[in-house]
C-alpha atoms as a PDB file:
ATOM      1  CA  MET A   1     -21.805  -4.762 -19.299  1.00  0.00           C
ATOM      2  CA  SER A   2     -20.117  -5.758 -22.548  1.00  0.00           C
ATOM      3  CA  SER A   3     -18.540  -9.235 -22.380  1.00  0.00           C
ATOM      4  CA  ASP A   4     -15.632  -8.084 -24.567  1.00  0.00           C
ATOM      5  CA  LEU A   5     -14.370  -5.909 -21.735  1.00  0.00           C
ATOM      6  CA  PHE A   6     -11.877  -7.120 -19.140  1.00  0.00           C
ATOM      7  CA  PHE A   7     -11.200  -5.648 -15.710  1.00  0.00           C
ATOM      8  CA  ILE A   8      -7.886  -4.924 -14.065  1.00  0.00           C
ATOM      9  CA  GLY A   9      -7.392  -4.004 -10.436  1.00  0.00           C
ATOM     10  CA  ILE A  10      -4.202  -2.229  -9.432  1.00  0.00           C
ATOM     11  CA  ASP A  11      -2.734  -2.083  -5.938  1.00  0.00           C
ATOM     12  CA  GLY A  12       0.045   0.481  -6.277  1.00  0.00           C
ATOM     13  CA  GLY A  13       2.116   1.320  -3.221  1.00  0.00           C
ATOM     14  CA  GLY A  14       5.462   2.801  -2.379  1.00  0.00           C
ATOM     15  CA  THR A  15       7.299  -0.466  -3.027  1.00  0.00           C
ATOM     16  CA  LYS A  16       5.260  -2.624  -5.411  1.00  0.00           C
ATOM     17  CA  CYS A  17       2.503  -2.453  -7.998  1.00  0.00           C
ATOM     18  CA  ARG A  18       0.246  -5.502  -8.299  1.00  0.00           C
ATOM     19  CA  ALA A  19      -2.239  -6.082 -11.117  1.00  0.00           C
ATOM     20  CA  ARG A  20      -5.132  -8.547 -11.253  1.00  0.00           C
ATOM     21  CA  LEU A  21      -6.930  -9.269 -14.551  1.00  0.00           C
ATOM     22  CA  GLU A  22     -10.478 -10.656 -14.566  1.00  0.00           C
ATOM     23  CA  ASP A  23     -13.144 -11.279 -17.181  1.00  0.00           C
ATOM     24  CA  SER A  24     -16.606  -9.717 -16.870  1.00  0.00           C
ATOM     25  CA  GLU A  25     -17.750 -12.665 -14.729  1.00  0.00           C
ATOM     26  CA  GLY A  26     -14.999 -12.125 -12.154  1.00  0.00           C
ATOM     27  CA  THR A  27     -12.801 -15.057 -13.192  1.00  0.00           C
ATOM     28  CA  LEU A  28      -9.097 -14.506 -12.527  1.00  0.00           C
ATOM     29  CA  LEU A  29      -7.175 -14.627 -15.813  1.00  0.00           C
ATOM     30  CA  GLY A  30      -3.739 -13.247 -15.000  1.00  0.00           C
ATOM     31  CA  GLU A  31      -1.591 -11.312 -12.533  1.00  0.00           C
ATOM     32  CA  GLY A  32       1.526  -9.146 -12.661  1.00  0.00           C
ATOM     33  CA  VAL A  33       3.875  -7.410 -10.231  1.00  0.00           C
ATOM     34  CA  SER A  34       6.219  -4.483 -10.865  1.00  0.00           C
ATOM     35  CA  GLY A  35       7.848  -1.555  -9.060  1.00  0.00           C
ATOM     36  CA  PRO A  36       6.668   1.469  -7.022  1.00  0.00           C
ATOM     37  CA  ALA A  37       3.480   3.337  -7.954  1.00  0.00           C
ATOM     38  CA  ASN A  38       3.149   6.334  -5.660  1.00  0.00           C
ATOM     39  CA  ILE A  39       1.745   9.104  -7.862  1.00  0.00           C
ATOM     40  CA  MET A  40       2.535  11.824  -5.351  1.00  0.00           C
ATOM     41  CA  ARG A  41       6.237  10.956  -5.299  1.00  0.00           C
ATOM     42  CA  ASP A  42       6.838  10.043  -8.953  1.00  0.00           C
ATOM     43  CA  SER A  43       3.861   9.890 -11.298  1.00  0.00           C
ATOM     44  CA  GLU A  44       5.973   8.910 -14.314  1.00  0.00           C
ATOM     45  CA  LEU A  45       7.480   5.961 -12.450  1.00  0.00           C
ATOM     46  CA  ALA A  46       3.968   5.013 -11.343  1.00  0.00           C
ATOM     47  CA  LYS A  47       2.768   4.996 -14.959  1.00  0.00           C
ATOM     48  CA  THR A  48       5.686   2.771 -15.955  1.00  0.00           C
ATOM     49  CA  SER A  49       5.031   0.390 -13.064  1.00  0.00           C
ATOM     50  CA  ILE A  50       1.303   0.202 -13.849  1.00  0.00           C
ATOM     51  CA  GLN A  51       1.930  -0.548 -17.518  1.00  0.00           C
ATOM     52  CA  GLU A  52       4.531  -3.178 -16.660  1.00  0.00           C
ATOM     53  CA  ALA A  53       2.250  -4.921 -14.154  1.00  0.00           C
ATOM     54  CA  ILE A  54      -0.674  -4.844 -16.588  1.00  0.00           C
ATOM     55  CA  SER A  55       1.493  -6.137 -19.457  1.00  0.00           C
ATOM     56  CA  LEU A  56       2.572  -9.065 -17.295  1.00  0.00           C
ATOM     57  CA  ALA A  57      -1.031  -9.812 -16.289  1.00  0.00           C
ATOM     58  CA  VAL A  58      -2.253  -9.662 -19.900  1.00  0.00           C
ATOM     59  CA  ALA A  59       0.656 -11.798 -21.135  1.00  0.00           C
ATOM     60  CA  SER A  60      -0.083 -14.366 -18.439  1.00  0.00           C
ATOM     61  CA  ALA A  61      -3.752 -14.459 -19.435  1.00  0.00           C
ATOM     62  CA  ASN A  62      -2.985 -14.742 -23.147  1.00  0.00           C
ATOM     63  CA  GLN A  63      -0.741 -17.741 -22.555  1.00  0.00           C
ATOM     64  CA  THR A  64      -3.675 -19.649 -21.081  1.00  0.00           C
ATOM     65  CA  LEU A  65      -6.243 -18.615 -23.683  1.00  0.00           C
ATOM     66  CA  ALA A  66      -4.798 -21.058 -26.250  1.00  0.00           C
ATOM     67  CA  ASN A  67      -6.613 -20.537 -29.565  1.00  0.00           C
ATOM     68  CA  LYS A  68      -9.088 -18.022 -28.171  1.00  0.00           C
ATOM     69  CA  GLN A  69      -8.906 -14.374 -29.138  1.00  0.00           C
ATOM     70  CA  LYS A  70      -6.134 -12.615 -27.275  1.00  0.00           C
ATOM     71  CA  ILE A  71      -6.726  -9.757 -24.838  1.00  0.00           C
ATOM     72  CA  SER A  72      -5.449  -6.271 -25.644  1.00  0.00           C
ATOM     73  CA  VAL A  73      -4.992  -3.470 -23.129  1.00  0.00           C
ATOM     74  CA  SER A  74      -7.520  -1.393 -25.085  1.00  0.00           C
ATOM     75  CA  GLN A  75     -10.205  -3.843 -23.857  1.00  0.00           C
ATOM     76  CA  CYS A  76      -9.250  -3.357 -20.213  1.00  0.00           C
ATOM     77  CA  VAL A  77     -11.184  -1.260 -17.726  1.00  0.00           C
ATOM     78  CA  VAL A  78      -8.617  -0.369 -15.076  1.00  0.00           C
ATOM     79  CA  GLY A  79      -9.341   0.438 -11.452  1.00  0.00           C
ATOM     80  CA  ALA A  80      -6.127   1.842 -10.007  1.00  0.00           C
ATOM     81  CA  GLY A  81      -5.736   2.005  -6.248  1.00  0.00           C
ATOM     82  CA  LEU A  82      -2.610   4.157  -5.893  1.00  0.00           C
ATOM     83  CA  ALA A  83      -0.541   5.612  -3.105  1.00  0.00           C
ATOM     84  CA  GLY A  84      -0.754   9.400  -3.310  1.00  0.00           C
ATOM     85  CA  ALA A  85      -4.203   9.422  -4.933  1.00  0.00           C
ATOM     86  CA  ASN A  86      -5.655  10.754  -1.680  1.00  0.00           C
ATOM     87  CA  ILE A  87      -4.040  14.086  -2.622  1.00  0.00           C
ATOM     88  CA  ALA A  88      -6.509  15.824  -4.951  1.00  0.00           C
ATOM     89  CA  GLY A  89      -3.878  17.571  -7.065  1.00  0.00           C
ATOM     90  CA  ALA A  90      -1.856  14.408  -7.634  1.00  0.00           C
ATOM     91  CA  LYS A  91      -4.985  12.450  -8.535  1.00  0.00           C
ATOM     92  CA  SER A  92      -6.284  15.112 -10.929  1.00  0.00           C
ATOM     93  CA  GLU A  93      -2.947  15.346 -12.705  1.00  0.00           C
ATOM     94  CA  PHE A  94      -2.670  11.581 -13.004  1.00  0.00           C
ATOM     95  CA  GLU A  95      -6.210  11.250 -14.410  1.00  0.00           C
ATOM     96  CA  ALA A  96      -5.131  13.455 -17.337  1.00  0.00           C
ATOM     97  CA  TRP A  97      -2.796  10.648 -18.500  1.00  0.00           C
ATOM     98  CA  ALA A  98      -3.360   9.627 -22.127  1.00  0.00           C
ATOM     99  CA  HIS A  99      -3.354   5.950 -21.142  1.00  0.00           C
ATOM    100  CA  PRO A 100      -3.780   3.036 -23.601  1.00  0.00           C
ATOM    101  CA  PHE A 101      -6.624   1.349 -21.691  1.00  0.00           C
ATOM    102  CA  HIS A 102     -10.345   1.274 -22.413  1.00  0.00           C
ATOM    103  CA  SER A 103     -10.889   3.420 -19.317  1.00  0.00           C
ATOM    104  CA  LEU A 104      -9.120   4.282 -16.078  1.00  0.00           C
ATOM    105  CA  TYR A 105     -10.669   4.917 -12.669  1.00  0.00           C
ATOM    106  CA  VAL A 106      -8.325   6.180  -9.952  1.00  0.00           C
ATOM    107  CA  LEU A 107      -8.733   5.911  -6.187  1.00  0.00           C
ATOM    108  CA  SER A 108      -6.276   5.713  -3.316  1.00  0.00           C
ATOM    109  CA  ASP A 109      -4.622   2.428  -2.434  1.00  0.00           C
ATOM    110  CA  LEU A 110      -6.204   2.766   1.004  1.00  0.00           C
ATOM    111  CA  HIS A 111      -9.733   3.035  -0.403  1.00  0.00           C
ATOM    112  CA  ALA A 112      -9.178   0.092  -2.749  1.00  0.00           C
ATOM    113  CA  ALA A 113      -7.893  -1.988   0.143  1.00  0.00           C
ATOM    114  CA  CYS A 114     -10.877  -1.089   2.320  1.00  0.00           C
ATOM    115  CA  LEU A 115     -13.395  -1.943  -0.415  1.00  0.00           C
ATOM    116  CA  GLY A 116     -11.652  -5.261  -1.000  1.00  0.00           C
ATOM    117  CA  ALA A 117     -11.340  -6.099   2.692  1.00  0.00           C
ATOM    118  CA  HIS A 118     -15.076  -5.730   3.293  1.00  0.00           C
ATOM    119  CA  ASP A 119     -16.235  -6.760  -0.197  1.00  0.00           C
ATOM    120  CA  GLY A 120     -17.776  -3.323  -0.731  1.00  0.00           C
ATOM    121  CA  ALA A 121     -19.642  -3.322   2.599  1.00  0.00           C
ATOM    122  CA  SER A 122     -19.168  -0.791   5.397  1.00  0.00           C
ATOM    123  CA  GLY A 123     -16.060  -1.183   7.529  1.00  0.00           C
ATOM    124  CA  ALA A 124     -12.729   0.304   8.563  1.00  0.00           C
ATOM    125  CA  ALA A 125      -9.247  -0.522   7.324  1.00  0.00           C
ATOM    126  CA  ILE A 126      -5.700   0.362   8.259  1.00  0.00           C
ATOM    127  CA  ILE A 127      -2.825  -0.086   5.827  1.00  0.00           C
ATOM    128  CA  ILE A 128       0.533  -0.432   7.525  1.00  0.00           C
ATOM    129  CA  GLY A 129       3.381  -1.318   5.191  1.00  0.00           C
ATOM    130  CA  THR A 130       5.805   1.031   3.433  1.00  0.00           C
ATOM    131  CA  GLY A 131       3.382   3.801   4.458  1.00  0.00           C
ATOM    132  CA  SER A 132       0.495   4.011   6.915  1.00  0.00           C
ATOM    133  CA  SER A 133      -3.066   5.293   6.761  1.00  0.00           C
ATOM    134  CA  GLY A 134      -6.583   4.417   7.855  1.00  0.00           C
ATOM    135  CA  THR A 135     -10.106   4.878   6.526  1.00  0.00           C
ATOM    136  CA  LEU A 136     -13.740   4.136   7.282  1.00  0.00           C
ATOM    137  CA  TRP A 137     -16.174   3.286   4.463  1.00  0.00           C
ATOM    138  CA  HIS A 138     -19.677   4.016   5.711  1.00  0.00           C
ATOM    139  CA  ASN A 139     -22.850   5.499   4.179  1.00  0.00           C
ATOM    140  CA  ASN A 140     -21.151   5.488   0.747  1.00  0.00           C
ATOM    141  CA  ALA A 141     -18.358   7.787   1.877  1.00  0.00           C
ATOM    142  CA  PHE A 142     -14.759   7.422   3.011  1.00  0.00           C
ATOM    143  CA  HIS A 143     -13.440   9.062   6.172  1.00  0.00           C
ATOM    144  CA  ASP A 144      -9.635   9.055   6.233  1.00  0.00           C
ATOM    145  CA  VAL A 145      -7.083   9.287   9.038  1.00  0.00           C
ATOM    146  CA  GLY A 146      -3.352   9.784   8.451  1.00  0.00           C
ATOM    147  CA  GLY A 147      -1.887   9.005   5.055  1.00  0.00           C
ATOM    148  CA  HIS A 148      -0.178  12.387   4.748  1.00  0.00           C
ATOM    149  CA  GLY A 149       2.941  10.961   3.159  1.00  0.00           C
ATOM    150  CA  PHE A 150       6.511  10.344   4.237  1.00  0.00           C
ATOM    151  CA  PRO A 151       8.373  11.963   5.924  1.00  0.00           C
ATOM    152  CA  ILE A 152       5.760  14.355   7.365  1.00  0.00           C
ATOM    153  CA  GLY A 153       3.273  11.514   7.939  1.00  0.00           C
ATOM    154  CA  ASP A 154       3.079   7.715   7.652  1.00  0.00           C
ATOM    155  CA  LYS A 155       4.015   7.242  11.302  1.00  0.00           C
ATOM    156  CA  ALA A 156       4.636   3.618  12.348  1.00  0.00           C
ATOM    157  CA  SER A 157       5.235   2.590   8.720  1.00  0.00           C
ATOM    158  CA  GLY A 158       8.188   0.706   7.319  1.00  0.00           C
ATOM    159  CA  ALA A 159       9.623   3.935   5.930  1.00  0.00           C
ATOM    160  CA  TRP A 160       9.188   5.657   9.294  1.00  0.00           C
ATOM    161  CA  LEU A 161      10.878   2.779  11.148  1.00  0.00           C
ATOM    162  CA  GLY A 162      13.765   2.692   8.674  1.00  0.00           C
ATOM    163  CA  LEU A 163      14.331   6.439   8.961  1.00  0.00           C
ATOM    164  CA  LYS A 164      14.335   6.223  12.762  1.00  0.00           C
ATOM    165  CA  ALA A 165      16.892   3.415  12.555  1.00  0.00           C
ATOM    166  CA  VAL A 166      19.168   5.500  10.316  1.00  0.00           C
ATOM    167  CA  LYS A 167      18.868   8.528  12.630  1.00  0.00           C
ATOM    168  CA  HIS A 168      19.743   6.317  15.580  1.00  0.00           C
ATOM    169  CA  THR A 169      22.746   4.909  13.716  1.00  0.00           C
ATOM    170  CA  LEU A 170      24.092   8.383  12.952  1.00  0.00           C
ATOM    171  CA  LEU A 171      23.825   9.297  16.638  1.00  0.00           C
ATOM    172  CA  CYS A 172      25.844   6.204  17.499  1.00  0.00           C
ATOM    173  CA  LEU A 173      28.491   6.896  14.860  1.00  0.00           C
ATOM    174  CA  ASP A 174      28.779  10.469  16.138  1.00  0.00           C
ATOM    175  CA  GLU A 175      29.321   8.983  19.612  1.00  0.00           C
ATOM    176  CA  LEU A 176      26.269  10.817  20.914  1.00  0.00           C
ATOM    177  CA  ALA A 177      24.720   7.477  21.859  1.00  0.00           C
ATOM    178  CA  PRO A 178      26.313   4.106  22.656  1.00  0.00           C
ATOM    179  CA  MET A 179      27.014   1.907  19.647  1.00  0.00           C
ATOM    180  CA  ASP A 180      24.507  -0.935  19.760  1.00  0.00           C
ATOM    181  CA  ALA A 181      23.168  -3.891  17.785  1.00  0.00           C
ATOM    182  CA  LEU A 182      20.689  -1.832  15.733  1.00  0.00           C
ATOM    183  CA  ALA A 183      23.348   0.599  14.556  1.00  0.00           C
ATOM    184  CA  LEU A 184      25.576  -2.320  13.556  1.00  0.00           C
ATOM    185  CA  GLU A 185      22.702  -3.944  11.636  1.00  0.00           C
ATOM    186  CA  VAL A 186      21.955  -0.710   9.771  1.00  0.00           C
ATOM    187  CA  CYS A 187      25.634  -0.267   8.866  1.00  0.00           C
ATOM    188  CA  ASN A 188      25.657  -3.848   7.616  1.00  0.00           C
ATOM    189  CA  ALA A 189      22.504  -3.288   5.544  1.00  0.00           C
ATOM    190  CA  LEU A 190      23.928  -0.089   4.061  1.00  0.00           C
ATOM    191  CA  GLN A 191      27.331  -1.761   3.580  1.00  0.00           C
ATOM    192  CA  THR A 192      29.189   1.088   5.264  1.00  0.00           C
ATOM    193  CA  ASN A 193      29.906   2.544   8.696  1.00  0.00           C
ATOM    194  CA  ASP A 194      31.175   5.826   7.264  1.00  0.00           C
ATOM    195  CA  ILE A 195      28.910   8.745   8.154  1.00  0.00           C
ATOM    196  CA  ASN A 196      29.477  10.590   4.885  1.00  0.00           C
ATOM    197  CA  HIS A 197      28.699   7.472   2.862  1.00  0.00           C
ATOM    198  CA  ILE A 198      25.494   6.914   4.819  1.00  0.00           C
ATOM    199  CA  VAL A 199      24.392  10.519   4.310  1.00  0.00           C
ATOM    200  CA  SER A 200      25.180  10.298   0.581  1.00  0.00           C
ATOM    201  CA  LYS A 201      23.222   7.062   0.216  1.00  0.00           C
ATOM    202  CA  CYS A 202      20.212   8.377   2.113  1.00  0.00           C
ATOM    203  CA  ALA A 203      20.114  11.526  -0.025  1.00  0.00           C
ATOM    204  CA  ALA A 204      18.931   9.301  -2.870  1.00  0.00           C
ATOM    205  CA  PHE A 205      16.578   7.178  -0.745  1.00  0.00           C
ATOM    206  CA  ASN A 206      12.863   6.842  -1.353  1.00  0.00           C
ATOM    207  CA  THR A 207      10.275   5.344   0.980  1.00  0.00           C
ATOM    208  CA  HIS A 208      10.968   1.768  -0.113  1.00  0.00           C
ATOM    209  CA  HIS A 209      14.686   2.137   0.602  1.00  0.00           C
ATOM    210  CA  TYR A 210      13.989   3.056   4.216  1.00  0.00           C
ATOM    211  CA  ALA A 211      11.286   0.389   4.526  1.00  0.00           C
ATOM    212  CA  ALA A 212      13.775  -2.255   3.351  1.00  0.00           C
ATOM    213  CA  LEU A 213      15.711  -1.744   6.606  1.00  0.00           C
ATOM    214  CA  VAL A 214      12.802  -3.213   8.590  1.00  0.00           C
ATOM    215  CA  GLU A 215      13.888  -6.673   7.437  1.00  0.00           C
ATOM    216  CA  ALA A 216      16.964  -6.293   9.667  1.00  0.00           C
ATOM    217  CA  MET A 217      14.903  -4.854  12.535  1.00  0.00           C
ATOM    218  CA  LEU A 218      12.226  -7.543  12.866  1.00  0.00           C
ATOM    219  CA  PRO A 219      14.505 -10.306  14.235  1.00  0.00           C
ATOM    220  CA  MET A 220      15.698  -7.804  16.850  1.00  0.00           C
ATOM    221  CA  LEU A 221      12.093  -7.043  17.791  1.00  0.00           C
ATOM    222  CA  TYR A 222      11.455 -10.726  18.441  1.00  0.00           C
ATOM    223  CA  THR A 223      14.607 -11.031  20.567  1.00  0.00           C
ATOM    224  CA  LYS A 224      13.454  -7.991  22.598  1.00  0.00           C
ATOM    225  CA  ASP A 225      16.203  -5.571  21.618  1.00  0.00           C
ATOM    226  CA  GLU A 226      15.462  -2.524  23.767  1.00  0.00           C
ATOM    227  CA  THR A 227      16.037   0.132  21.088  1.00  0.00           C
ATOM    228  CA  VAL A 228      14.010  -1.648  18.408  1.00  0.00           C
ATOM    229  CA  CYS A 229      11.181  -2.513  20.803  1.00  0.00           C
ATOM    230  CA  ALA A 230      10.877   1.159  21.802  1.00  0.00           C
ATOM    231  CA  MET A 231      10.504   2.180  18.137  1.00  0.00           C
ATOM    232  CA  PHE A 232       7.804  -0.416  17.461  1.00  0.00           C
ATOM    233  CA  GLU A 233       5.984   0.460  20.689  1.00  0.00           C
ATOM    234  CA  GLU A 234       5.851   4.111  19.636  1.00  0.00           C
ATOM    235  CA  GLY A 235       4.454   3.041  16.280  1.00  0.00           C
ATOM    236  CA  ALA A 236       1.951   0.683  17.928  1.00  0.00           C
ATOM    237  CA  ASN A 237       0.608   3.475  20.152  1.00  0.00           C
ATOM    238  CA  TYR A 238      -0.063   5.555  17.041  1.00  0.00           C
ATOM    239  CA  ILE A 239      -1.842   2.702  15.235  1.00  0.00           C
ATOM    240  CA  GLU A 240      -3.935   1.961  18.344  1.00  0.00           C
ATOM    241  CA  THR A 241      -5.004   5.627  18.467  1.00  0.00           C
ATOM    242  CA  MET A 242      -5.849   5.515  14.752  1.00  0.00           C
ATOM    243  CA  ALA A 243      -7.918   2.355  15.235  1.00  0.00           C
ATOM    244  CA  GLN A 244      -9.812   3.855  18.174  1.00  0.00           C
ATOM    245  CA  ARG A 245     -10.579   6.952  16.089  1.00  0.00           C
ATOM    246  CA  LEU A 246     -11.913   4.885  13.186  1.00  0.00           C
ATOM    247  CA  LEU A 247     -14.031   2.578  15.370  1.00  0.00           C
ATOM    248  CA  GLN A 248     -15.744   5.123  17.568  1.00  0.00           C
ATOM    249  CA  GLN A 249     -19.507   5.700  17.321  1.00  0.00           C
ATOM    250  CA  HIS A 250     -20.323   2.496  15.400  1.00  0.00           C
ATOM    251  CA  ASP A 251     -19.928  -1.281  15.609  1.00  0.00           C
ATOM    252  CA  LEU A 252     -18.287  -1.889  12.221  1.00  0.00           C
ATOM    253  CA  PRO A 253     -15.322  -4.261  11.735  1.00  0.00           C
ATOM    254  CA  LEU A 254     -11.660  -3.382  11.202  1.00  0.00           C
ATOM    255  CA  ALA A 255      -9.329  -5.004   8.670  1.00  0.00           C
ATOM    256  CA  MET A 256      -5.547  -4.730   8.937  1.00  0.00           C
ATOM    257  CA  ILE A 257      -3.622  -4.744   5.659  1.00  0.00           C
ATOM    258  CA  GLY A 258       0.065  -4.627   4.762  1.00  0.00           C
ATOM    259  CA  GLY A 259       3.382  -6.162   5.680  1.00  0.00           C
ATOM    260  CA  LEU A 260       3.427  -4.845   9.259  1.00  0.00           C
ATOM    261  CA  SER A 261      -0.251  -5.479  10.048  1.00  0.00           C
ATOM    262  CA  ASN A 262       0.359  -8.746  11.902  1.00  0.00           C
ATOM    263  CA  VAL A 263       3.152  -7.131  13.920  1.00  0.00           C
ATOM    264  CA  TYR A 264       1.145  -4.158  15.141  1.00  0.00           C
ATOM    265  CA  SER A 265      -2.132  -6.023  15.681  1.00  0.00           C
ATOM    266  CA  THR A 266      -0.481  -7.946  18.543  1.00  0.00           C
ATOM    267  CA  TYR A 267      -0.143  -4.648  20.439  1.00  0.00           C
ATOM    268  CA  PHE A 268      -3.827  -3.733  20.187  1.00  0.00           C
ATOM    269  CA  SER A 269      -6.085  -3.327  23.194  1.00  0.00           C
ATOM    270  CA  ASP A 270      -8.713  -6.020  23.716  1.00  0.00           C
ATOM    271  CA  SER A 271     -11.463  -3.667  22.519  1.00  0.00           C
ATOM    272  CA  VAL A 272      -9.745  -3.179  19.155  1.00  0.00           C
ATOM    273  CA  LYS A 273      -8.770  -6.848  18.811  1.00  0.00           C
ATOM    274  CA  ALA A 274     -12.452  -7.746  19.221  1.00  0.00           C
ATOM    275  CA  ARG A 275     -13.279  -5.760  16.057  1.00  0.00           C
ATOM    276  CA  LEU A 276     -10.602  -7.319  13.838  1.00  0.00           C
ATOM    277  CA  VAL A 277     -11.727  -9.373  10.834  1.00  0.00           C
ATOM    278  CA  ALA A 278      -9.910 -11.134   8.013  1.00  0.00           C
ATOM    279  CA  CYS A 279      -9.926  -9.453   4.612  1.00  0.00           C
ATOM    280  CA  LYS A 280     -12.604 -10.860   2.301  1.00  0.00           C
ATOM    281  CA  ALA A 281     -10.723  -9.866  -0.857  1.00  0.00           C
ATOM    282  CA  THR A 282      -7.532  -8.169  -2.007  1.00  0.00           C
ATOM    283  CA  PRO A 283      -6.971  -4.463  -2.710  1.00  0.00           C
ATOM    284  CA  GLN A 284      -6.810  -5.377  -6.409  1.00  0.00           C
ATOM    285  CA  GLN A 285     -10.309  -6.839  -6.168  1.00  0.00           C
ATOM    286  CA  GLY A 286     -11.427  -3.724  -4.316  1.00  0.00           C
ATOM    287  CA  ALA A 287     -10.107  -1.605  -7.191  1.00  0.00           C
ATOM    288  CA  ILE A 288     -12.013  -3.787  -9.678  1.00  0.00           C
ATOM    289  CA  HIS A 289     -15.180  -3.370  -7.596  1.00  0.00           C
ATOM    290  CA  TYR A 290     -14.718   0.411  -7.798  1.00  0.00           C
ATOM    291  CA  ALA A 291     -14.063   0.337 -11.569  1.00  0.00           C
ATOM    292  CA  LYS A 292     -17.061  -1.892 -12.271  1.00  0.00           C
ATOM    293  CA  THR A 293     -19.341   0.332 -10.199  1.00  0.00           C
ATOM    294  CA  ALA A 294     -18.097   3.438 -12.008  1.00  0.00           C
ATOM    295  CA  CYS A 295     -18.432   1.731 -15.387  1.00  0.00           C
ATOM    296  CA  PHE A 296     -22.020   0.637 -14.669  1.00  0.00           C
ATOM    297  CA  GLN A 297     -22.965   4.130 -13.533  1.00  0.00           C
ATOM    298  CA  LEU A 298     -21.414   5.685 -16.637  1.00  0.00           C
ATOM    299  CA  LYS A 299     -23.407   3.327 -18.873  1.00  0.00           C
ATOM    300  CA  GLY A 300     -26.575   3.786 -16.818  1.00  0.00           C
ATOM    301  CA  GLU A 301     -26.707   0.058 -16.051  1.00  0.00           C
ATOM    302  CA  LYS A 302     -27.750  -1.590 -12.796  1.00  0.00           C
END
C-alpha cells in the first residue's frame, strides 16, 4: 500500500457525521464532526456533511504536521459508513458522486459499526440511536435485521420515541388523554402548546429533530414516569427480539452501539446480557478497515 495515501473513516448517521483520519500505519492524525449524513433522506446534505467533517479532520492533521508536507483530500482513501446505504438504490446513486478524494468506498453505518466493534471478526451488532438496526457479520457476509428507515421502521430509536411523544402530546392537547408531565415537557421543548404550531413545526422535522426530544424524556424514565416507561418498554421488547434473532444458531458476541444502547441493554434478558461485549473500535475505524480491505483487493495486494 502506498505510504503517500491516507485513510478516512466516516460514521454518518441521521444526526452527526464523524470523520477519522489515519496514516497508512493506522496512526490517528485528525478528526472532524459535522451534520447529518443519511443518504436515503438527503444525499446532497450528506455530501456536504462528509466534506465538512473530512475538511476538519485534514485541517486538524495539517496543524500538527509542522514543516512536513501537508495532506490533501486527493490523497485520502475514504471508507464511508452511512445511514441509508443499506438501500441499494441510494447507495448506487451516491457512489456515482464525482468526489474529490483518492477513492471512496461506501457501506452502511451499521456494517461499519459492526466491523469496528469486533475488529473485523465475526459478531453481531445493534445500533440504537437516532435510528435502529441490527446485523450479524459471519462467514464474510452481513445478515441485517430492521434498519428500514423512519417512520416505517427504526422502532425503539430516538426518532421513534420522539414521534411517539409528539403524538401523545397532541392527544393530550385535544383532550383525548389527560394532560401529563410528558406532554408538558414536549410543549416546553417545542416552545409552544398550540396544536397548529406543533403541527407546523413537525411538518419540517427530520429524524434528528424527533430524536432531540429524547433528552427531555430520559429524566422522566429514571423517575419512573408511567407514560415514558411504557414507551421505552415497548422499544426494549423490540430490541430484545432483534437481539435474539441475531444471536440464534451460533455463539458469537453482541455489541451495542449508539446513544440509547446503555438504556436498552439494561432491559435485556440474562441470555442476551451474557453475550454482550464492549466495542473493540469505533465505526470510523470499521469504515477504514473496509476501505483498506477494498483498496488492497483492488491493487491485488495481501
